[in-house]
Amino acid sequence: MKKIVDISEHNGNIDFKKLKQAGIDTCIIRIGWIGNKENHTIDKKFEEYYKEARKNGFKIGFYVYSYCKNSSTVLSGSEWVKRQLNGKYIDLPVFIDLEDNTIKNLGKEELTSHATIFCNYLLKHNIKKVGVYASLDWFKNKLDINKLLDYKIWLAEWTKKENHSFKYRVDLWQYTSDGHVSGILGRVDLNKCLCNCVENVDNSVENVEKGQKEVFEVAKTYKNGSTPEDVYSDSLLKYKIGSLNKYEVCECLGIVNSRYIVKYKIDGTNTYKVGFVKYHGGIK
């Protein structure tokens, strides 16, 4: 069974040649983290790890850690992730890592929405394999797993047993955070690939994967009606962040939970916001 390391700047300097000699030829690299104030931050070792892994013939996947507390910043973070991956070869899925204590009380519906927004955005932009990373507790209690099975599932359950205990399909299993391999000084996360999670996807153009019915394959135009339309940061339409003017025209990026995601310019500025609207008559 193929073993895979996932790595970030916390692993320091890595000798990928020694790592490959030790029998590891696949890695998942942290891109960085996406934040609630759109202060998305690149991992200090991201470019170095990617360059060295490619030079040594590794299969490569990626993940990003999320601190986002609303759907709008998740979408902004998804756009940022796509920019970091432009021009890079991708062999494993690109995952969103949902496990931070600062977002754990957002509720199952909201957190699941964050995962689907991220995955659907990348699928729409031709990254063919996407997924969700979380602990066993999060998959059981914080996320709605039945709404995530169209994506790859990366489970963290650290156990010395031969298999994980989750009763759903698992594509990648992080079975320890206390691994030791030649080429990496100190502890490293080790994973087992349980399904077909390693496949060259190479940024090529591909149709959106089956089952993603609420995502536009290309961005569409949204034209507001004859009354101002409120814009919200969340698909439940609880937190207003702005409004569209009468007959205002803007870009529509997709649909989540039957709500349109619009990208609109703040009046009198060249600054844009992204949020959800209720009115369904505006797609052109």
Protein backbone atom coordinates (compact mmCIF):
# COMPACT_ATOMS: atom_id res chain seq x y z
CA MET A 1 0.00 0.00 0.00
CA LYS A 2 1.48 3.35 -1.06
CA LYS A 3 2.67 5.61 1.76
CA ILE A 4 2.44 9.36 1.36
CA VAL A 5 3.90 12.20 3.44
CA ASP A 6 2.12 15.51 3.90
CA ILE A 7 4.49 18.37 4.56
CA SER A 8 4.61 22.04 5.52
CA GLU A 9 7.19 24.57 6.65
CA HIS A 10 7.09 22.90 10.07
CA ASN A 11 9.06 20.00 8.56
CA GLY A 12 12.01 22.29 7.81
CA ASN A 13 14.61 21.33 5.21
CA ILE A 14 13.75 18.10 3.40
CA ASP A 15 16.17 15.94 1.40
CA PHE A 16 13.83 14.63 -1.28
CA LYS A 17 16.52 12.39 -2.74
CA LYS A 18 16.90 10.55 0.58
CA LEU A 19 13.14 10.50 1.02
CA LYS A 20 12.73 8.75 -2.32
CA GLN A 21 15.52 6.29 -1.52
CA ALA A 22 13.54 5.43 1.63
CA GLY A 23 10.61 4.37 -0.56
CA ILE A 24 8.48 7.53 -0.40
CA ASP A 25 7.74 9.01 -3.82
CA THR A 26 4.47 10.85 -3.17
CA CYS A 27 3.79 13.97 -1.10
CA ILE A 28 1.05 16.46 -0.31
CA ILE A 29 2.40 19.99 0.11
CA ARG A 30 0.71 22.69 2.14
CA ILE A 31 0.03 25.76 0.02
CA GLY A 32 -0.51 27.89 3.10
CA TRP A 33 -3.62 29.05 4.91
CA ILE A 34 -6.70 31.08 4.03
CA GLY A 35 -7.96 33.57 6.57
CA ASN A 36 -11.16 35.23 7.65
CA LYS A 37 -9.84 38.71 6.80
CA GLU A 38 -8.71 37.51 3.35
CA ASN A 39 -5.17 37.56 4.74
CA HIS A 40 -4.29 34.40 2.84
CA THR A 41 -0.69 33.40 3.50
CA ILE A 42 1.71 31.22 1.53
CA ASP A 43 3.64 28.45 3.29
CA LYS A 44 7.28 29.51 3.51
CA LYS A 45 8.43 26.19 2.02
CA PHE A 46 5.70 25.83 -0.63
CA GLU A 47 7.74 26.77 -3.71
CA GLU A 48 10.93 25.08 -2.48
CA TYR A 49 9.15 21.81 -1.69
CA TYR A 50 7.34 21.81 -5.03
CA LYS A 51 10.54 22.47 -6.99
CA GLU A 52 12.53 19.76 -5.17
CA ALA A 53 9.72 17.21 -5.29
CA ARG A 54 9.31 17.71 -9.04
CA LYS A 55 13.07 17.49 -9.59
CA ASN A 56 13.15 14.15 -7.80
CA GLY A 57 10.17 12.66 -9.63
CA PHE A 58 7.57 12.79 -6.85
CA LYS A 59 3.84 12.61 -7.37
CA ILE A 60 2.41 15.75 -5.77
CA GLY A 61 -0.85 16.90 -4.21
CA PHE A 62 -1.68 20.02 -2.23
CA TYR A 63 -3.72 21.22 0.72
CA VAL A 64 -4.68 24.53 2.30
CA TYR A 65 -5.58 25.15 5.95
CA SER A 66 -8.73 27.21 6.54
CA TYR A 67 -9.46 29.76 9.27
CA CYS A 68 -12.40 31.19 7.30
CA LYS A 69 -15.57 31.97 9.23
CA ASN A 70 -17.88 32.72 6.31
CA SER A 71 -18.53 31.58 2.77
CA SER A 72 -17.32 34.79 1.18
CA THR A 73 -13.78 34.43 2.51
CA VAL A 74 -13.74 30.73 1.61
CA LEU A 75 -14.49 31.70 -1.99
CA SER A 76 -11.81 34.40 -1.90
CA GLY A 77 -9.41 31.80 -0.49
CA SER A 78 -10.34 29.35 -3.25
CA GLU A 79 -9.49 31.96 -5.87
CA TRP A 80 -6.16 32.56 -4.11
CA VAL A 81 -5.39 28.81 -4.05
CA LYS A 82 -6.08 28.54 -7.78
CA ARG A 83 -3.60 31.38 -8.45
CA GLN A 84 -0.88 29.64 -6.41
CA LEU A 85 -1.38 26.45 -8.44
CA ASN A 86 -1.29 28.06 -11.88
CA GLY A 87 1.31 26.29 -14.01
CA LYS A 88 1.95 23.52 -11.49
CA TYR A 89 1.60 19.78 -12.08
CA ILE A 90 -0.99 18.16 -9.82
CA ASP A 91 -1.07 14.39 -9.39
CA LEU A 92 -3.16 14.01 -6.22
CA PRO A 93 -6.23 16.02 -5.24
CA VAL A 94 -6.17 19.53 -3.83
CA PHE A 95 -7.68 19.47 -0.33
CA ILE A 96 -9.18 21.96 2.07
CA ASP A 97 -8.13 21.26 5.67
CA LEU A 98 -11.01 21.87 8.10
CA GLU A 99 -10.02 21.33 11.73
CA ASP A 100 -9.32 24.68 13.38
CA ASN A 101 -10.83 25.42 16.79
CA THR A 102 -11.75 28.98 15.77
CA ILE A 103 -14.33 27.71 13.27
CA LYS A 104 -15.55 24.52 14.93
CA ASN A 105 -18.75 26.12 16.27
CA LEU A 106 -20.01 27.50 12.94
CA GLY A 107 -22.39 24.58 12.57
CA LYS A 108 -22.51 21.55 10.33
CA GLU A 109 -24.38 23.24 7.49
CA GLU A 110 -22.04 26.22 7.29
CA LEU A 111 -18.83 24.16 7.52
CA THR A 112 -20.07 21.71 4.91
CA SER A 113 -20.89 24.69 2.69
CA HIS A 114 -17.28 25.90 3.07
CA ALA A 115 -16.01 22.54 1.83
CA THR A 116 -18.35 22.45 -1.16
CA ILE A 117 -17.58 26.05 -2.15
CA PHE A 118 -13.85 25.30 -2.19
CA CYS A 119 -14.17 22.01 -4.07
CA ASN A 120 -16.68 23.29 -6.61
CA TYR A 121 -14.67 26.42 -7.37
CA LEU A 122 -11.54 24.40 -8.18
CA LEU A 123 -13.50 21.87 -10.23
CA LYS A 124 -14.98 24.72 -12.23
CA HIS A 125 -11.45 25.96 -12.92
CA ASN A 126 -10.25 22.64 -14.32
CA ILE A 127 -8.56 21.09 -11.29
CA LYS A 128 -9.99 17.62 -11.72
CA LYS A 129 -9.47 16.12 -8.26
CA VAL A 130 -10.44 17.93 -5.08
CA GLY A 131 -11.16 16.84 -1.53
CA VAL A 132 -11.73 17.51 2.14
CA TYR A 133 -9.34 16.77 5.02
CA ALA A 134 -10.66 16.45 8.56
CA SER A 135 -10.35 14.38 11.70
CA LEU A 136 -12.69 11.51 12.48
CA ASP A 137 -14.53 13.73 14.99
CA TRP A 138 -15.06 16.48 12.43
CA PHE A 139 -16.32 14.11 9.74
CA LYS A 140 -18.72 12.58 12.26
CA ASN A 141 -19.91 15.69 14.12
CA LYS A 142 -18.92 18.91 12.32
CA LEU A 143 -19.47 18.03 8.63
CA ASP A 144 -22.26 16.38 6.66
CA ILE A 145 -20.33 13.53 5.06
CA ASN A 146 -23.23 12.62 2.77
CA LYS A 147 -22.80 15.97 0.98
CA LEU A 148 -19.05 15.45 0.56
CA LEU A 149 -18.81 12.00 -0.99
CA ASP A 150 -18.59 13.43 -4.52
CA TYR A 151 -15.12 14.65 -3.48
CA LYS A 152 -12.06 12.83 -2.19
CA ILE A 153 -12.09 12.13 1.54
CA TRP A 154 -8.85 12.50 3.49
CA LEU A 155 -9.31 11.20 7.01
CA ALA A 156 -7.05 11.91 9.98
CA GLU A 157 -7.35 9.12 12.53
CA TRP A 158 -4.16 8.32 14.36
CA THR A 159 -4.27 4.71 15.43
CA LYS A 160 -2.02 1.68 15.53
CA LYS A 161 -4.80 -0.50 14.13
CA GLU A 162 -4.65 -1.97 10.64
CA ASN A 163 -7.52 0.17 9.39
CA HIS A 164 -9.50 3.29 10.24
CA SER A 165 -12.89 3.13 11.97
CA PHE A 166 -14.89 5.48 9.71
CA LYS A 167 -17.90 3.78 8.16
CA TYR A 168 -17.75 5.76 4.90
CA ARG A 169 -15.41 5.66 1.92
CA VAL A 170 -11.95 7.00 2.69
CA ASP A 171 -9.56 7.79 -0.17
CA LEU A 172 -6.56 8.86 1.87
CA TRP A 173 -5.93 7.92 5.49
CA GLN A 174 -3.54 9.91 7.68
CA TYR A 175 -2.79 7.19 10.21
CA THR A 176 -0.04 8.88 12.26
CA SER A 177 1.50 12.25 13.02
CA ASP A 178 4.51 10.55 14.53
CA GLY A 179 6.15 9.03 11.47
CA HIS A 180 9.90 8.96 10.92
CA VAL A 181 11.52 8.67 7.48
CA SER A 182 14.95 9.31 6.05
CA GLY A 183 15.21 12.77 4.50
CA ILE A 184 12.98 14.50 7.06
CA LEU A 185 14.31 15.47 10.47
CA GLY A 186 11.84 14.80 13.26
CA ARG A 187 8.21 13.73 13.09
CA VAL A 188 6.16 13.70 9.90
CA ASP A 189 2.56 12.82 9.02
CA LEU A 190 2.20 9.51 7.16
CA ASN A 191 -0.75 8.50 5.01
CA LYS A 192 -2.03 5.47 3.15
CA CYS A 193 -3.71 5.75 -0.23
CA LEU A 194 -6.80 3.51 -0.01
CA CYS A 195 -8.48 4.39 -3.31
CA ASN A 196 -7.36 5.81 -6.65
CA CYS A 197 -6.10 9.10 -5.29
CA VAL A 198 -2.88 9.31 -7.33
CA GLU A 199 -3.45 10.33 -10.90
CA ASN A 200 -1.80 12.95 -13.10
CA VAL A 201 -4.23 15.80 -13.63
CA ASP A 202 -1.69 18.29 -14.98
CA ASN A 203 -3.96 21.38 -14.98
CA SER A 204 -5.59 20.15 -18.20
CA VAL A 205 -9.07 21.20 -19.29
CA GLU A 206 -11.72 18.77 -18.16
CA ASN A 207 -15.46 18.90 -17.63
CA VAL A 208 -16.68 19.37 -14.09
CA GLU A 209 -16.90 15.98 -12.37
CA LYS A 210 -20.26 14.24 -12.33
CA GLY A 211 -22.48 15.27 -9.48
CA GLN A 212 -21.44 18.93 -9.25
CA LYS A 213 -24.75 20.18 -10.59
CA GLU A 214 -24.75 23.55 -8.86
CA VAL A 215 -21.64 25.04 -10.43
CA PHE A 216 -21.40 26.96 -13.69
CA GLU A 217 -18.84 25.54 -16.11
CA VAL A 218 -18.09 29.14 -17.05
CA ALA A 219 -18.85 32.35 -15.20
CA LYS A 220 -22.18 33.91 -16.18
CA THR A 221 -23.59 37.41 -16.00
CA TYR A 222 -25.99 38.36 -13.23
CA LYS A 223 -28.30 41.33 -13.82
CA ASN A 224 -30.30 42.63 -10.87
CA GLY A 225 -33.97 43.49 -11.13
CA SER A 226 -35.87 46.73 -10.52
CA THR A 227 -35.19 46.87 -6.75
CA PRO A 228 -31.94 46.85 -4.75
CA GLU A 229 -30.78 43.33 -3.86
CA ASP A 230 -29.07 42.51 -0.56
CA VAL A 231 -25.79 40.56 -0.65
CA TYR A 232 -24.79 38.21 2.16
CA SER A 233 -21.56 36.56 3.28
CA ASP A 234 -23.27 33.19 3.85
CA SER A 235 -25.60 30.97 1.84
CA LEU A 236 -28.16 31.03 4.67
CA LEU A 237 -28.57 34.79 4.06
CA LYS A 238 -27.99 35.73 7.69
CA TYR A 239 -25.12 38.23 7.44
CA LYS A 240 -25.58 41.16 5.06
CA ILE A 241 -22.37 42.62 3.59
CA GLY A 242 -23.70 44.96 0.90
CA SER A 243 -26.25 45.36 -1.87
CA LEU A 244 -26.66 45.54 -5.64
CA ASN A 245 -28.22 48.60 -7.24
CA LYS A 246 -31.27 48.47 -9.50
CA TYR A 247 -30.38 46.71 -12.78
CA GLU A 248 -26.74 46.37 -11.70
CA VAL A 249 -24.75 43.90 -13.83
CA CYS A 250 -22.01 41.77 -12.27
CA GLU A 251 -20.31 38.39 -12.56
CA CYS A 252 -21.94 35.22 -11.23
CA LEU A 253 -19.47 32.52 -10.16
CA GLY A 254 -21.81 29.65 -9.34
CA ILE A 255 -24.51 28.34 -7.03
CA VAL A 256 -24.28 26.89 -3.51
CA ASN A 257 -27.36 25.76 -1.57
CA SER A 258 -29.54 27.30 -4.32
CA ARG A 259 -28.01 30.75 -3.75
CA TYR A 260 -26.19 32.61 -6.51
CA ILE A 261 -22.60 33.71 -5.80
CA VAL A 262 -21.97 37.18 -7.25
CA LYS A 263 -18.81 39.24 -7.63
CA TYR A 264 -19.68 42.93 -7.66
CA LYS A 265 -17.89 46.26 -7.48
CA ILE A 266 -18.33 48.46 -4.41
CA ASP A 267 -19.86 51.78 -5.48
CA GLY A 268 -17.30 54.38 -6.53
CA THR A 269 -14.28 52.11 -6.13
CA ASN A 270 -12.30 49.49 -8.00
CA THR A 271 -12.72 47.06 -5.11
CA TYR A 272 -14.83 43.94 -5.44
CA LYS A 273 -16.79 41.85 -2.98
CA VAL A 274 -18.12 38.32 -3.31
CA GLY A 275 -21.34 37.16 -1.67
CA PHE A 276 -24.70 35.41 -1.98
CA VAL A 277 -28.00 36.79 -3.30
CA LYS A 278 -31.56 35.49 -3.07
CA TYR A 279 -33.03 36.77 -6.36
CA HIS A 280 -33.04 34.03 -9.00
CA GLY A 281 -34.16 36.03 -12.00
CA GLY A 282 -30.87 37.66 -12.81
CA ILE A 283 -28.84 35.00 -14.65
CA LYS A 284 -28.17 35.85 -18.30
